[in-house]
Structure formats: structure tokens, C-alpha cells
Amino acid sequence: MINDVLVVDDDASIRKTVSTGLQARNFSVITTPNGNRAIEEINQNQAKVVVLDLGLPDVDGIDLVRTIRTFSNIPI
């Protein structure tokens, strides 16, 4: 399955709100609460864009962007 948007946020209510809004506009969405899981999802799925909270509990958001850039040019 191809997912259009990967939403990464540790706050469940924000994940739900963003996901619901995107789905209402016909995007398929996958969500994850942390940076390590986001890396797994980017590797496993074919998201077209990442919506990323910079304040994650497990990794700094800027560091996560740098890590993603080592293997992907996905828009963040």
C-alpha cells in the first residue's frame, strides 16, 4: 500500500487531528509517535511527504531530518 503522508508526533491528539484532516482531503495517512518508528515507516512504505514534529521524545527532530536525508529525499 502506498501512503501519501507520514505524520510523526508524540501527541496522540495531534496525530489524530492532522490525520483526520488529511484523510478528509483524500490523503492516505500513516502515523507514528516517535522518530525511530518514523525511520522504519519511511523504509517500509512509500509515503510522498512527512509531517514532522521537531520535539519528539526519542530523537531531536532536526537530527531526525538529517538521518532521513542520508537515505531519502522525501519532502519534510
Protein backbone atom coordinates (compact mmCIF):
# COMPACT_ATOMS: atom_id res chain seq x y z
CA MET A 1 0.00 0.00 0.00
CA ILE A 2 1.27 3.45 -0.85
CA ASN A 3 0.69 6.05 1.86
CA ASP A 4 0.69 9.67 0.80
CA VAL A 5 1.56 11.21 4.17
CA LEU A 6 3.54 10.06 7.21
CA VAL A 7 2.60 12.06 10.33
CA VAL A 8 5.17 11.90 13.14
CA ASP A 9 4.13 13.37 16.50
CA ASP A 10 4.31 12.09 20.07
CA ASP A 11 0.98 13.72 20.97
CA ALA A 12 -1.84 11.30 20.07
CA SER A 13 -4.44 14.07 19.80
CA ILE A 14 -2.31 15.99 17.31
CA ARG A 15 -1.68 12.83 15.28
CA LYS A 16 -5.41 12.18 15.19
CA THR A 17 -6.34 15.76 14.27
CA VAL A 18 -3.78 16.04 11.48
CA SER A 19 -4.58 12.56 10.19
CA THR A 20 -8.33 13.22 10.18
CA GLY A 21 -7.87 16.49 8.30
CA LEU A 22 -5.65 14.88 5.67
CA GLN A 23 -7.95 11.89 5.25
CA ALA A 24 -10.90 14.25 4.76
CA ARG A 25 -8.96 15.60 1.78
CA ASN A 26 -8.45 12.09 0.36
CA PHE A 27 -4.88 11.52 1.51
CA SER A 28 -3.93 8.14 2.86
CA VAL A 29 -2.10 8.62 6.15
CA ILE A 30 0.12 6.57 8.39
CA THR A 31 1.07 7.88 11.83
CA THR A 32 3.83 7.17 14.31
CA PRO A 33 4.65 8.59 17.75
CA ASN A 34 8.45 8.71 17.54
CA GLY A 35 11.47 9.22 15.31
CA ASN A 36 12.81 5.67 15.38
CA ARG A 37 9.48 4.32 14.19
CA ALA A 38 9.35 7.08 11.54
CA ILE A 39 12.60 5.80 10.02
CA GLU A 40 11.14 2.28 9.90
CA GLU A 41 7.95 3.57 8.26
CA ILE A 42 9.86 5.56 5.64
CA ASN A 43 11.86 2.43 4.78
CA GLN A 44 8.78 0.16 4.68
CA ASN A 45 6.23 2.43 3.00
CA GLN A 46 6.21 4.78 0.08
CA ALA A 47 5.00 7.99 1.68
CA LYS A 48 5.22 11.06 -0.52
CA VAL A 49 5.69 13.53 2.33
CA VAL A 50 6.44 13.61 6.06
CA VAL A 51 4.75 15.95 8.55
CA LEU A 52 7.18 16.03 11.45
CA ASP A 53 7.03 17.38 14.99
CA LEU A 54 10.51 18.60 15.88
CA GLY A 55 10.02 17.88 19.60
CA LEU A 56 9.98 14.10 19.76
CA PRO A 57 10.69 12.05 22.90
CA ASP A 58 13.35 9.76 21.43
CA VAL A 59 15.29 11.93 18.96
CA ASP A 60 15.69 15.60 18.16
CA GLY A 61 13.58 16.46 15.11
CA ILE A 62 16.46 18.23 13.32
CA ASP A 63 18.68 15.19 13.88
CA LEU A 64 15.90 13.01 12.51
CA VAL A 65 15.73 15.15 9.36
CA ARG A 66 19.49 14.75 8.95
CA THR A 67 19.19 10.99 9.35
CA ILE A 68 16.35 10.76 6.84
CA ARG A 69 18.39 12.80 4.35
CA THR A 70 21.12 10.14 4.40
CA PHE A 71 18.77 7.72 2.62
CA SER A 72 15.78 9.67 1.27
CA ASN A 73 14.83 12.94 -0.42
CA ILE A 74 11.22 12.73 0.76
CA PRO A 75 9.75 16.20 1.39
CA ILE A 76 9.56 17.01 5.10
